[in-house]
């Protein structure tokens, strides 16, 4: 699907407030609510919009530890590790990477004991390097990068 300027305007507004009424969104970009709704449906059907989500304050939920883990696999067969990633609630982001390590994981846990247990489980697949976050400086919005 080829995106035009109107599609990018719709996406920008939806990333700021995905609960906005189509009519209100349309007023901001000088379109009818129905026309906006049709565009949103096309964006959803084409897979440009994959899902709508909720952003919560993790500290208020007690998720006090954010860590970044670089995994160095001990085998060339990564399928069981990929299943581990999908099954682990602690992992909020996972990337297979070039460069240092094989995978970079972003994890969030409630306690140091939970972190230690998670790291012990990682050892079944390989070694790791751990980096603890001391402050989140910026929460990303990937759409902004496409609008630059």
N, C-alpha and C. Protein backbone atom coordinates (compact mmCIF):
# COMPACT_ATOMS: atom_id res chain seq x y z
N UNK A 1 0.84 -1.17 0.00
CA UNK A 1 0.00 0.00 0.00
C UNK A 1 0.89 1.25 0.00
N UNK A 2 0.65 2.12 -0.92
CA UNK A 2 1.38 3.39 -1.00
C UNK A 2 0.69 4.40 -0.08
N UNK A 3 1.46 4.97 0.84
CA UNK A 3 0.91 5.94 1.78
C UNK A 3 1.10 7.35 1.25
N UNK A 4 0.08 8.19 1.43
CA UNK A 4 0.22 9.59 1.03
C UNK A 4 0.27 10.46 2.29
N UNK A 5 0.34 11.75 2.08
CA UNK A 5 0.46 12.70 3.19
C UNK A 5 -0.73 12.61 4.14
N UNK A 6 -1.91 12.39 3.62
CA UNK A 6 -3.11 12.28 4.47
C UNK A 6 -3.01 11.05 5.37
N UNK A 7 -2.55 9.93 4.80
CA UNK A 7 -2.38 8.72 5.61
C UNK A 7 -1.41 8.98 6.76
N UNK A 8 -0.30 9.67 6.47
CA UNK A 8 0.68 9.97 7.52
C UNK A 8 0.09 10.92 8.57
N UNK A 9 -0.74 11.85 8.16
CA UNK A 9 -1.40 12.73 9.13
C UNK A 9 -2.32 11.93 10.04
N UNK A 10 -3.08 11.02 9.45
CA UNK A 10 -3.98 10.16 10.23
C UNK A 10 -3.17 9.33 11.22
N UNK A 11 -2.10 8.72 10.75
CA UNK A 11 -1.27 7.89 11.63
C UNK A 11 -0.66 8.70 12.76
N UNK A 12 -0.20 9.90 12.46
CA UNK A 12 0.39 10.76 13.50
C UNK A 12 -0.65 11.07 14.57
N UNK A 13 -1.83 11.43 14.16
CA UNK A 13 -2.89 11.76 15.13
C UNK A 13 -3.30 10.53 15.93
N UNK A 14 -3.41 9.39 15.27
CA UNK A 14 -3.77 8.15 15.98
C UNK A 14 -2.70 7.73 16.98
N UNK A 15 -1.42 7.99 16.68
CA UNK A 15 -0.37 7.63 17.64
C UNK A 15 -0.43 8.51 18.88
N UNK A 16 -0.94 9.72 18.71
CA UNK A 16 -1.10 10.61 19.87
C UNK A 16 -2.35 10.26 20.67
N UNK A 17 -3.41 9.81 19.98
CA UNK A 17 -4.66 9.47 20.65
C UNK A 17 -5.43 8.48 19.76
N UNK A 18 -5.24 7.21 20.02
CA UNK A 18 -5.88 6.18 19.18
C UNK A 18 -7.38 6.07 19.46
N UNK A 19 -7.88 6.76 20.48
CA UNK A 19 -9.31 6.71 20.81
C UNK A 19 -10.08 7.89 20.23
N UNK A 20 -9.42 8.72 19.44
CA UNK A 20 -10.07 9.89 18.87
C UNK A 20 -11.22 9.47 17.96
N UNK A 21 -12.30 10.21 17.99
CA UNK A 21 -13.44 9.94 17.11
C UNK A 21 -13.05 10.30 15.68
N UNK A 22 -13.53 9.51 14.74
CA UNK A 22 -13.21 9.77 13.33
C UNK A 22 -13.62 11.18 12.92
N UNK A 23 -14.74 11.62 13.41
CA UNK A 23 -15.24 12.97 13.08
C UNK A 23 -14.24 14.03 13.54
N UNK A 24 -13.75 13.89 14.78
CA UNK A 24 -12.80 14.86 15.33
C UNK A 24 -11.47 14.81 14.58
N UNK A 25 -11.04 13.60 14.24
CA UNK A 25 -9.81 13.46 13.46
C UNK A 25 -9.99 14.13 12.10
N UNK A 26 -11.13 13.89 11.48
CA UNK A 26 -11.42 14.47 10.18
C UNK A 26 -11.39 15.99 10.21
N UNK A 27 -11.90 16.58 11.28
CA UNK A 27 -11.88 18.03 11.40
C UNK A 27 -10.45 18.58 11.40
N UNK A 28 -9.54 17.83 12.01
CA UNK A 28 -8.14 18.28 12.08
C UNK A 28 -7.45 18.25 10.72
N UNK A 29 -7.88 17.34 9.84
CA UNK A 29 -7.22 17.23 8.53
C UNK A 29 -8.15 17.59 7.38
N UNK A 30 -9.29 18.21 7.72
CA UNK A 30 -10.24 18.72 6.73
C UNK A 30 -10.83 17.61 5.85
N UNK A 31 -11.32 16.57 6.52
CA UNK A 31 -12.00 15.46 5.85
C UNK A 31 -13.24 15.11 6.67
N UNK A 32 -14.15 14.37 6.06
CA UNK A 32 -15.31 13.89 6.81
C UNK A 32 -14.89 12.70 7.67
N UNK A 33 -15.65 12.47 8.71
CA UNK A 33 -15.38 11.32 9.57
C UNK A 33 -15.46 10.01 8.79
N UNK A 34 -16.41 9.92 7.86
CA UNK A 34 -16.56 8.71 7.06
C UNK A 34 -15.34 8.48 6.17
N UNK A 35 -14.82 9.53 5.57
CA UNK A 35 -13.63 9.40 4.72
C UNK A 35 -12.42 8.97 5.55
N UNK A 36 -12.30 9.53 6.75
CA UNK A 36 -11.21 9.13 7.65
C UNK A 36 -11.37 7.66 8.03
N UNK A 37 -12.59 7.26 8.36
CA UNK A 37 -12.85 5.87 8.72
C UNK A 37 -12.48 4.91 7.61
N UNK A 38 -12.80 5.27 6.37
CA UNK A 38 -12.43 4.42 5.23
C UNK A 38 -10.91 4.29 5.11
N UNK A 39 -10.22 5.40 5.31
CA UNK A 39 -8.75 5.36 5.23
C UNK A 39 -8.17 4.49 6.35
N UNK A 40 -8.72 4.63 7.55
CA UNK A 40 -8.24 3.84 8.68
C UNK A 40 -8.47 2.36 8.41
N UNK A 41 -9.62 2.00 7.88
CA UNK A 41 -9.90 0.59 7.56
C UNK A 41 -8.89 0.05 6.55
N UNK A 42 -8.55 0.85 5.53
CA UNK A 42 -7.56 0.42 4.54
C UNK A 42 -6.18 0.25 5.20
N UNK A 43 -5.84 1.15 6.11
CA UNK A 43 -4.56 1.03 6.81
C UNK A 43 -4.53 -0.23 7.69
N UNK A 44 -5.66 -0.56 8.29
CA UNK A 44 -5.75 -1.78 9.10
C UNK A 44 -5.68 -3.02 8.22
N UNK A 45 -6.45 -3.04 7.14
CA UNK A 45 -6.50 -4.22 6.26
C UNK A 45 -5.16 -4.48 5.58
N UNK A 46 -4.42 -3.42 5.27
CA UNK A 46 -3.12 -3.60 4.62
C UNK A 46 -2.02 -3.96 5.61
N UNK A 47 -2.32 -3.88 6.91
CA UNK A 47 -1.33 -4.24 7.92
C UNK A 47 -0.46 -3.08 8.36
N UNK A 48 -0.68 -1.88 7.82
CA UNK A 48 0.08 -0.72 8.28
C UNK A 48 -0.24 -0.47 9.76
N UNK A 49 -1.52 -0.49 10.10
CA UNK A 49 -1.93 -0.45 11.50
C UNK A 49 -2.10 -1.89 11.93
N UNK A 50 -1.19 -2.34 12.82
CA UNK A 50 -1.22 -3.73 13.27
C UNK A 50 -2.12 -3.92 14.48
N UNK A 51 -2.14 -2.93 15.37
CA UNK A 51 -2.92 -3.07 16.60
C UNK A 51 -3.03 -1.71 17.27
N UNK A 52 -3.90 -1.63 18.23
CA UNK A 52 -4.02 -0.45 19.07
C UNK A 52 -3.57 -0.89 20.46
N UNK A 53 -2.86 -0.02 21.16
CA UNK A 53 -2.33 -0.44 22.45
C UNK A 53 -2.53 0.62 23.52
N UNK A 54 -2.20 0.23 24.72
CA UNK A 54 -2.33 1.07 25.89
C UNK A 54 -0.94 1.25 26.49
N UNK A 55 -0.59 2.47 26.84
CA UNK A 55 0.70 2.73 27.49
C UNK A 55 0.41 2.99 28.96
N UNK A 56 1.06 2.21 29.81
CA UNK A 56 0.85 2.35 31.25
C UNK A 56 2.16 2.78 31.90
N UNK A 57 2.05 3.34 33.09
CA UNK A 57 3.21 3.71 33.87
C UNK A 57 3.69 2.46 34.60
N UNK A 58 4.77 1.86 34.09
CA UNK A 58 5.24 0.59 34.63
C UNK A 58 5.68 0.69 36.09
N UNK A 59 6.23 1.83 36.47
CA UNK A 59 6.65 2.01 37.87
C UNK A 59 5.45 1.93 38.81
N UNK A 60 4.31 2.46 38.37
CA UNK A 60 3.11 2.41 39.21
C UNK A 60 2.56 0.99 39.30
N UNK A 61 2.94 0.14 38.35
CA UNK A 61 2.55 -1.28 38.41
C UNK A 61 3.54 -2.10 39.20
N UNK A 62 4.63 -1.48 39.62
CA UNK A 62 5.63 -2.19 40.39
C UNK A 62 6.74 -2.79 39.56
N UNK A 63 6.74 -2.54 38.26
CA UNK A 63 7.82 -3.06 37.40
C UNK A 63 9.02 -2.13 37.53
N UNK A 64 9.79 -2.34 38.61
CA UNK A 64 10.84 -1.39 38.96
C UNK A 64 12.16 -1.63 38.25
N UNK A 65 12.35 -2.81 37.69
CA UNK A 65 13.62 -3.11 37.01
C UNK A 65 13.39 -3.22 35.50
N UNK A 66 14.13 -2.41 34.77
CA UNK A 66 14.20 -2.54 33.32
C UNK A 66 15.64 -2.90 33.00
N UNK A 67 15.82 -3.95 32.22
CA UNK A 67 17.16 -4.40 31.88
C UNK A 67 17.25 -4.70 30.39
N UNK A 68 18.45 -4.54 29.89
CA UNK A 68 18.76 -4.91 28.51
C UNK A 68 19.77 -6.04 28.58
N UNK A 69 19.46 -7.12 27.89
CA UNK A 69 20.27 -8.33 27.96
C UNK A 69 20.77 -8.66 26.55
N UNK A 70 22.06 -8.80 26.42
CA UNK A 70 22.65 -9.24 25.17
C UNK A 70 22.94 -10.74 25.32
N UNK A 71 22.39 -11.52 24.39
CA UNK A 71 22.51 -12.98 24.46
C UNK A 71 23.56 -13.45 23.46
N UNK A 72 24.45 -14.32 23.93
CA UNK A 72 25.45 -14.96 23.09
C UNK A 72 25.09 -16.45 23.06
N UNK A 73 24.49 -16.88 21.97
CA UNK A 73 23.99 -18.25 21.86
C UNK A 73 25.13 -19.25 21.86
N UNK A 74 24.87 -20.44 22.46
CA UNK A 74 25.89 -21.49 22.47
C UNK A 74 25.66 -22.53 21.39
N UNK A 75 24.60 -22.35 20.59
CA UNK A 75 24.29 -23.27 19.50
C UNK A 75 23.77 -22.48 18.31
N UNK A 76 23.86 -23.08 17.15
CA UNK A 76 23.36 -22.43 15.93
C UNK A 76 21.86 -22.64 15.77
N UNK A 77 21.27 -23.56 16.54
CA UNK A 77 19.83 -23.80 16.49
C UNK A 77 19.14 -22.88 17.49
N UNK A 78 18.44 -21.88 16.98
CA UNK A 78 17.83 -20.87 17.83
C UNK A 78 16.34 -21.08 18.07
N UNK A 79 15.76 -22.12 17.51
CA UNK A 79 14.30 -22.30 17.58
C UNK A 79 13.79 -22.41 19.01
N UNK A 80 14.48 -23.17 19.86
CA UNK A 80 14.00 -23.30 21.24
C UNK A 80 14.13 -21.97 21.98
N UNK A 81 15.16 -21.20 21.66
CA UNK A 81 15.30 -19.89 22.29
C UNK A 81 14.20 -18.94 21.83
N UNK A 82 13.84 -19.00 20.56
CA UNK A 82 12.75 -18.15 20.07
C UNK A 82 11.44 -18.51 20.77
N UNK A 83 11.21 -19.78 21.04
CA UNK A 83 10.01 -20.18 21.80
C UNK A 83 10.08 -19.63 23.23
N UNK A 84 11.27 -19.70 23.82
CA UNK A 84 11.47 -19.14 25.16
C UNK A 84 11.12 -17.65 25.18
N UNK A 85 11.56 -16.92 24.15
CA UNK A 85 11.27 -15.49 24.05
C UNK A 85 9.76 -15.27 24.02
N UNK A 86 9.07 -16.01 23.16
CA UNK A 86 7.62 -15.83 23.02
C UNK A 86 6.86 -16.18 24.29
N UNK A 87 7.39 -17.14 25.07
CA UNK A 87 6.71 -17.61 26.27
C UNK A 87 7.06 -16.80 27.52
N UNK A 88 8.06 -15.93 27.45
CA UNK A 88 8.52 -15.19 28.63
C UNK A 88 7.84 -13.84 28.73
N UNK A 89 7.02 -13.68 29.76
CA UNK A 89 6.32 -12.41 29.97
C UNK A 89 7.26 -11.28 30.32
N UNK A 90 8.42 -11.60 30.87
CA UNK A 90 9.37 -10.56 31.26
C UNK A 90 9.94 -9.82 30.05
N UNK A 91 9.99 -10.51 28.92
CA UNK A 91 10.59 -9.92 27.72
C UNK A 91 9.55 -9.04 27.03
N UNK A 92 9.84 -7.75 26.94
CA UNK A 92 8.91 -6.83 26.30
C UNK A 92 9.36 -6.48 24.87
N UNK A 93 10.63 -6.74 24.56
CA UNK A 93 11.15 -6.52 23.22
C UNK A 93 12.29 -7.48 22.99
N UNK A 94 12.38 -8.01 21.78
CA UNK A 94 13.48 -8.92 21.43
C UNK A 94 13.86 -8.69 19.98
N UNK A 95 15.17 -8.62 19.75
CA UNK A 95 15.68 -8.40 18.39
C UNK A 95 16.85 -9.34 18.14
N UNK A 96 16.83 -10.00 17.00
CA UNK A 96 18.02 -10.71 16.53
C UNK A 96 18.87 -9.65 15.84
N UNK A 97 20.16 -9.61 16.17
CA UNK A 97 20.99 -8.49 15.74
C UNK A 97 22.28 -8.97 15.08
N UNK A 98 22.85 -8.06 14.32
CA UNK A 98 24.23 -8.24 13.86
C UNK A 98 25.10 -7.48 14.85
N UNK A 99 26.37 -7.74 14.83
CA UNK A 99 27.24 -7.03 15.76
C UNK A 99 27.41 -7.82 17.04
N UNK A 100 27.37 -7.14 18.15
CA UNK A 100 27.63 -7.79 19.44
C UNK A 100 26.46 -8.67 19.85
N UNK A 101 26.75 -9.93 20.09
CA UNK A 101 25.73 -10.87 20.53
C UNK A 101 24.85 -11.33 19.39
N UNK A 102 23.92 -12.20 19.73
CA UNK A 102 22.96 -12.74 18.77
C UNK A 102 21.60 -12.09 18.91
N UNK A 103 21.20 -11.80 20.16
CA UNK A 103 19.90 -11.21 20.44
C UNK A 103 20.07 -10.10 21.48
N UNK A 104 19.26 -9.08 21.34
CA UNK A 104 19.15 -8.05 22.37
C UNK A 104 17.72 -8.10 22.90
N UNK A 105 17.60 -8.20 24.21
CA UNK A 105 16.29 -8.28 24.86
C UNK A 105 16.09 -7.09 25.77
N UNK A 106 14.87 -6.59 25.81
CA UNK A 106 14.48 -5.60 26.81
C UNK A 106 13.52 -6.33 27.74
N UNK A 107 13.85 -6.34 29.03
CA UNK A 107 13.00 -7.05 29.98
C UNK A 107 12.55 -6.11 31.10
N UNK A 108 11.42 -6.44 31.69
CA UNK A 108 10.89 -5.69 32.83
C UNK A 108 10.45 -6.70 33.88
N UNK A 109 10.91 -6.48 35.11
CA UNK A 109 10.59 -7.39 36.21
C UNK A 109 10.25 -6.60 37.47
N UNK A 110 9.57 -7.29 38.38
CA UNK A 110 9.14 -6.67 39.63
C UNK A 110 10.25 -6.62 40.68
N UNK A 111 11.03 -7.70 40.74
CA UNK A 111 12.00 -7.83 41.83
C UNK A 111 13.35 -8.30 41.32
N UNK A 112 14.34 -8.13 42.15
CA UNK A 112 15.67 -8.63 41.83
C UNK A 112 15.66 -10.16 41.76
N UNK A 113 14.87 -10.81 42.62
CA UNK A 113 14.76 -12.27 42.57
C UNK A 113 14.20 -12.74 41.23
N UNK A 114 13.19 -12.03 40.72
CA UNK A 114 12.62 -12.37 39.42
C UNK A 114 13.67 -12.19 38.32
N UNK A 115 14.47 -11.14 38.42
CA UNK A 115 15.55 -10.91 37.46
C UNK A 115 16.57 -12.04 37.50
N UNK A 116 16.97 -12.45 38.70
CA UNK A 116 17.94 -13.54 38.83
C UNK A 116 17.41 -14.84 38.27
N UNK A 117 16.15 -15.15 38.52
CA UNK A 117 15.55 -16.37 37.99
C UNK A 117 15.52 -16.33 36.46
N UNK A 118 15.14 -15.18 35.91
CA UNK A 118 15.14 -15.03 34.45
C UNK A 118 16.54 -15.25 33.88
N UNK A 119 17.54 -14.64 34.49
CA UNK A 119 18.91 -14.77 33.99
C UNK A 119 19.41 -16.21 34.10
N UNK A 120 19.02 -16.91 35.15
CA UNK A 120 19.39 -18.33 35.28
C UNK A 120 18.78 -19.14 34.13
N UNK A 121 17.56 -18.82 33.73
CA UNK A 121 16.92 -19.52 32.62
C UNK A 121 17.63 -19.24 31.29
N UNK A 122 18.16 -18.05 31.14
CA UNK A 122 18.90 -17.69 29.92
C UNK A 122 20.11 -18.60 29.73
N UNK A 123 20.72 -19.01 30.81
CA UNK A 123 21.94 -19.82 30.73
C UNK A 123 21.71 -21.16 30.03
N UNK A 124 20.45 -21.60 29.92
CA UNK A 124 20.16 -22.81 29.16
C UNK A 124 20.47 -22.63 27.68
N UNK A 125 20.49 -21.39 27.22
CA UNK A 125 20.65 -21.11 25.79
C UNK A 125 22.00 -20.49 25.43
N UNK A 126 22.64 -19.88 26.39
CA UNK A 126 23.92 -19.24 26.12
C UNK A 126 24.31 -18.32 27.26
N UNK A 127 25.30 -17.51 27.00
CA UNK A 127 25.76 -16.53 27.99
C UNK A 127 25.10 -15.18 27.71
N UNK A 128 25.25 -14.27 28.64
CA UNK A 128 24.61 -12.98 28.48
C UNK A 128 25.46 -11.88 29.09
N UNK A 129 25.18 -10.67 28.68
CA UNK A 129 25.66 -9.45 29.32
C UNK A 129 24.41 -8.67 29.71
N UNK A 130 24.42 -8.11 30.91
CA UNK A 130 23.26 -7.43 31.45
C UNK A 130 23.56 -5.95 31.65
N UNK A 131 22.61 -5.11 31.24
CA UNK A 131 22.67 -3.67 31.48
C UNK A 131 21.37 -3.27 32.15
N UNK A 132 21.45 -2.66 33.33
CA UNK A 132 20.26 -2.18 34.02
C UNK A 132 20.01 -0.73 33.64
N UNK A 133 18.74 -0.42 33.37
CA UNK A 133 18.35 0.95 33.08
C UNK A 133 18.26 1.71 34.39
N UNK A 134 18.82 2.90 34.42
CA UNK A 134 18.70 3.73 35.62
C UNK A 134 17.71 4.87 35.42
N UNK A 135 17.39 5.17 34.15
CA UNK A 135 16.37 6.19 33.88
C UNK A 135 15.97 6.10 32.42
N UNK A 136 14.65 6.09 32.15
CA UNK A 136 14.17 6.18 30.78
C UNK A 136 14.19 7.66 30.39
N UNK A 137 14.93 7.96 29.33
CA UNK A 137 15.10 9.34 28.91
C UNK A 137 14.08 9.70 27.83
N UNK A 138 13.75 8.73 26.98
CA UNK A 138 12.80 8.99 25.90
C UNK A 138 12.05 7.71 25.60
N UNK A 139 10.74 7.84 25.46
CA UNK A 139 9.92 6.73 25.01
C UNK A 139 9.62 6.99 23.56
N UNK A 140 9.94 6.02 22.72
CA UNK A 140 9.90 6.25 21.28
C UNK A 140 8.53 6.16 20.65
N UNK A 141 8.40 6.87 19.55
CA UNK A 141 7.25 6.77 18.66
C UNK A 141 7.83 6.57 17.27
N UNK A 142 7.84 5.32 16.77
CA UNK A 142 8.52 5.04 15.51
C UNK A 142 7.97 5.81 14.31
N UNK A 143 6.73 6.26 14.40
CA UNK A 143 6.16 6.99 13.28
C UNK A 143 6.88 8.31 13.05
N UNK A 144 7.36 8.93 14.12
CA UNK A 144 8.03 10.22 14.01
C UNK A 144 9.25 10.08 13.08
N UNK A 145 9.95 8.97 13.12
CA UNK A 145 11.14 8.78 12.29
C UNK A 145 10.79 8.80 10.79
N UNK A 146 9.60 8.34 10.43
CA UNK A 146 9.21 8.31 9.02
C UNK A 146 8.77 9.67 8.53
N UNK A 147 8.47 10.57 9.43
CA UNK A 147 7.97 11.88 9.04
C UNK A 147 9.08 12.93 8.95
N UNK A 148 10.30 12.54 9.24
CA UNK A 148 11.43 13.48 9.22
C UNK A 148 11.85 13.81 7.80
